[in-house]
Protein backbone atom coordinates (compact mmCIF):
# COMPACT_ATOMS: atom_id res chain seq x y z
CA MET A 1 -12.96 16.25 19.58
CA ASN A 2 -12.04 18.77 22.28
CA ALA A 3 -9.34 21.05 20.25
CA ASN A 4 -7.61 21.79 23.71
CA ASP A 5 -6.51 18.36 24.82
CA GLY A 6 -7.70 15.90 22.04
CA SER A 7 -10.33 13.99 24.10
CA VAL A 8 -12.96 12.59 21.84
CA VAL A 9 -16.39 13.73 23.21
CA SER A 10 -18.49 12.04 20.94
CA ILE A 11 -18.22 9.57 17.90
CA ALA A 12 -20.71 7.76 15.72
CA GLY A 13 -18.91 5.30 13.48
CA GLY A 14 -21.88 3.23 12.29
CA TYR A 15 -25.67 2.49 12.51
CA ASP A 16 -25.43 -0.80 14.82
CA PHE A 17 -22.19 -2.49 16.09
CA HIS A 18 -24.33 -5.72 15.97
CA TYR A 19 -24.58 -5.54 12.05
CA SER A 20 -21.14 -3.89 11.16
CA LYS A 21 -18.14 -3.71 13.40
CA PHE A 22 -16.76 -1.49 11.11
CA ASN A 23 -16.13 2.06 12.74
CA ARG A 24 -16.62 4.45 9.83
CA ALA A 25 -15.23 7.56 11.96
CA ILE A 26 -11.86 5.68 12.57
CA GLN A 27 -11.40 3.03 9.97
CA SER A 28 -12.86 4.39 6.82
CA LYS A 29 -10.65 6.83 4.70
CA ARG A 30 -11.99 9.19 2.20
CA GLN A 31 -11.21 12.11 0.00
CA PRO A 32 -10.84 15.30 2.07
CA GLY A 33 -11.72 17.32 -0.91
CA SER A 34 -11.53 21.12 -0.07
CA GLY A 35 -11.44 20.28 3.72
CA PHE A 36 -7.67 19.89 2.95
CA LYS A 37 -7.07 23.40 1.62
CA PRO A 38 -6.36 25.07 4.83
CA VAL A 39 -3.22 22.83 5.08
CA VAL A 40 -2.02 24.21 1.50
CA TYR A 41 -2.74 27.72 2.90
CA ALA A 42 -1.11 27.53 6.38
CA THR A 43 1.85 26.34 4.14
CA GLY A 44 2.06 29.47 2.29
CA LEU A 45 1.80 31.41 5.36
CA MET A 46 4.71 29.46 6.92
CA GLU A 47 6.60 30.27 3.71
CA GLY A 48 6.00 33.85 4.27
CA MET A 49 2.78 34.87 2.38
CA THR A 50 0.12 36.69 3.70
CA PRO A 51 -3.61 36.68 3.75
CA SER A 52 -3.24 39.53 1.23
CA SER A 53 -0.75 37.90 -1.01
CA ILE A 54 -1.93 37.55 -4.64
CA ILE A 55 -2.39 34.40 -6.66
CA VAL A 56 -3.61 34.66 -10.08
CA ASP A 57 -6.65 32.82 -10.74
CA ALA A 58 -6.62 32.03 -14.54
CA PRO A 59 -6.88 28.83 -16.64
CA VAL A 60 -3.65 26.37 -15.97
CA SER A 61 -2.78 22.89 -17.43
CA PHE A 62 -0.47 20.68 -16.12
CA GLY A 63 -0.20 17.90 -18.87
CA SER A 64 -3.61 16.30 -19.26
CA TRP A 65 -4.95 17.82 -15.97
CA THR A 66 -6.71 21.16 -16.03
CA PRO A 67 -8.04 22.05 -12.64
CA MET A 68 -11.15 24.11 -12.68
CA ASN A 69 -13.10 26.25 -10.21
CA SER A 70 -16.38 25.16 -9.18
CA THR A 71 -18.17 27.73 -10.78
CA ARG A 72 -16.06 27.15 -13.99
CA ARG A 73 -15.13 30.73 -13.84
CA TYR A 74 -11.72 32.61 -13.34
CA TYR A 75 -11.30 35.47 -11.11
CA GLY A 76 -8.10 36.87 -11.78
CA PRO A 77 -5.48 38.05 -9.20
CA THR A 78 -7.00 36.96 -6.02
CA PRO A 79 -5.77 37.43 -2.23
CA LEU A 80 -5.33 34.17 -0.56
CA ARG A 81 -7.92 35.22 2.12
CA GLN A 82 -10.50 35.60 -0.62
CA ALA A 83 -9.43 32.37 -2.25
CA LEU A 84 -9.73 30.48 0.94
CA THR A 85 -13.27 32.04 1.73
CA TYR A 86 -14.72 31.07 -1.81
CA SER A 87 -12.47 27.81 -2.02
CA ARG A 88 -10.85 28.72 -5.45
CA ASN A 89 -9.50 25.47 -6.70
CA VAL A 90 -7.00 26.93 -9.18
CA VAL A 91 -5.68 29.08 -6.59
CA ALA A 92 -5.07 26.42 -4.32
CA VAL A 93 -3.26 24.40 -6.82
CA ARG A 94 -1.07 27.32 -8.00
CA LEU A 95 -0.36 27.94 -4.28
CA LEU A 96 0.68 24.33 -3.95
CA GLN A 97 2.73 24.52 -6.82
CA LYS A 98 4.58 27.58 -5.53
CA VAL A 99 5.14 26.51 -1.88
CA GLY A 100 6.17 22.68 -2.80
CA ILE A 101 4.42 19.92 -2.34
CA ASN A 102 7.01 18.28 -0.10
CA LYS A 103 6.54 21.41 2.40
CA ALA A 104 2.72 20.85 2.59
CA ILE A 105 3.26 17.02 3.26
CA ARG A 106 5.55 18.06 5.76
CA LEU A 107 2.99 20.22 7.48
CA ALA A 108 0.15 17.55 7.05
CA THR A 109 2.36 14.91 8.65
CA SER A 110 3.17 17.30 11.51
CA ILE A 111 -0.56 17.58 12.07
CA GLY A 112 -1.07 13.86 12.18
CA PHE A 113 -1.67 12.59 8.42
CA GLU A 114 0.31 9.48 7.65
CA PRO A 115 2.74 9.98 4.61
CA ASP A 116 0.78 7.36 2.52
CA GLU A 117 -2.51 9.20 2.94
CA LEU A 118 -0.88 12.32 0.92
CA PRO A 119 -0.23 11.71 -2.88
CA ARG A 120 2.58 13.52 -4.15
CA TYR A 121 1.09 15.55 -6.96
CA LEU A 122 -0.77 18.78 -7.35
CA PRO A 123 -4.50 17.34 -7.06
CA LEU A 124 -3.28 17.12 -3.31
CA ALA A 125 -4.24 20.93 -2.94
CA LEU A 126 -7.62 19.48 -3.83
CA GLY A 127 -7.90 17.09 -1.19
CA SER A 128 -6.93 14.06 -3.37
CA GLY A 129 -5.42 12.26 -0.21
CA ALA A 130 -7.23 10.05 2.19
CA ALA A 131 -8.42 10.85 5.58
CA SER A 132 -10.73 9.35 8.33
CA PRO A 133 -13.14 11.76 9.84
CA LEU A 134 -10.93 11.37 13.09
CA ARG A 135 -7.95 12.42 11.21
CA MET A 136 -9.80 15.58 9.62
CA ALA A 137 -11.22 16.46 13.27
CA GLN A 138 -7.50 16.34 14.48
CA LEU A 139 -6.45 18.67 11.52
CA TYR A 140 -9.06 21.18 12.32
CA ALA A 141 -8.32 21.15 16.17
CA VAL A 142 -4.83 22.39 15.29
CA PHE A 143 -6.32 25.42 13.82
CA ALA A 144 -8.65 25.71 16.64
CA ASN A 145 -6.20 25.81 19.42
CA GLY A 146 -3.77 28.15 17.94
CA GLY A 147 -1.53 25.97 16.18
CA PHE A 148 -0.84 22.98 18.37
CA ARG A 149 -1.40 19.46 17.49
CA VAL A 150 -3.28 17.19 19.81
CA ASP A 151 -3.58 13.49 19.55
CA PRO A 152 -7.33 12.02 20.18
CA TYR A 153 -7.92 9.63 22.89
CA PHE A 154 -11.12 8.02 23.91
CA ILE A 155 -10.67 7.05 27.79
CA SER A 156 -10.07 9.84 30.16
CA GLU A 157 -10.23 7.71 33.18
CA VAL A 158 -10.77 4.00 34.35
CA GLN A 159 -11.99 3.61 37.90
CA THR A 160 -12.94 0.43 40.08
CA ASP A 161 -16.39 0.23 41.56
CA SER A 162 -14.97 1.62 44.76
CA GLY A 163 -13.45 4.71 42.93
CA ARG A 164 -9.94 3.70 42.95
CA ILE A 165 -8.07 5.22 39.60
CA LEU A 166 -6.74 2.39 37.51
CA TYR A 167 -5.87 4.62 34.81
CA LYS A 168 -5.92 8.21 34.14
CA ALA A 169 -5.17 10.03 30.73
CA THR A 170 -2.39 12.58 30.76
CA PRO A 171 -2.52 14.38 27.36
CA PRO A 172 0.46 16.77 26.73
């Protein structure tokens, strides 16, 4: 997807349309996992935090759920930039708790997510929602083009065989 205007440059949604009409790039939804963490960190930045803001990476429990880092280690006071670089789960969860789930969901929906794709609980920080690969491309396009949302489109122009333009996309 071109991050500047939303044009879909290439897409592969399956092996063979003859065998399956299901387009996995658009129709399938899967958990984005750590791919969703930048939304949480961006929410933190929008709430006045900085890349050097510190969140403590230490064991924490929320009822029966205890998030852990993939290394099963904790690193103490951690700047946000380092936590994002190393994809520290506990820092992401604590950051989401600090900024608020509703604010993160508000940002995610402004980027293009649908509210029903985003659960309203802390595992959202670890990507427990649902998203198609196209939705994730749309998410990252926002970061690639300086914070502006672009909606994907597939057809840029339709012409007759004589060259008369029947349709031309006009992305904002």
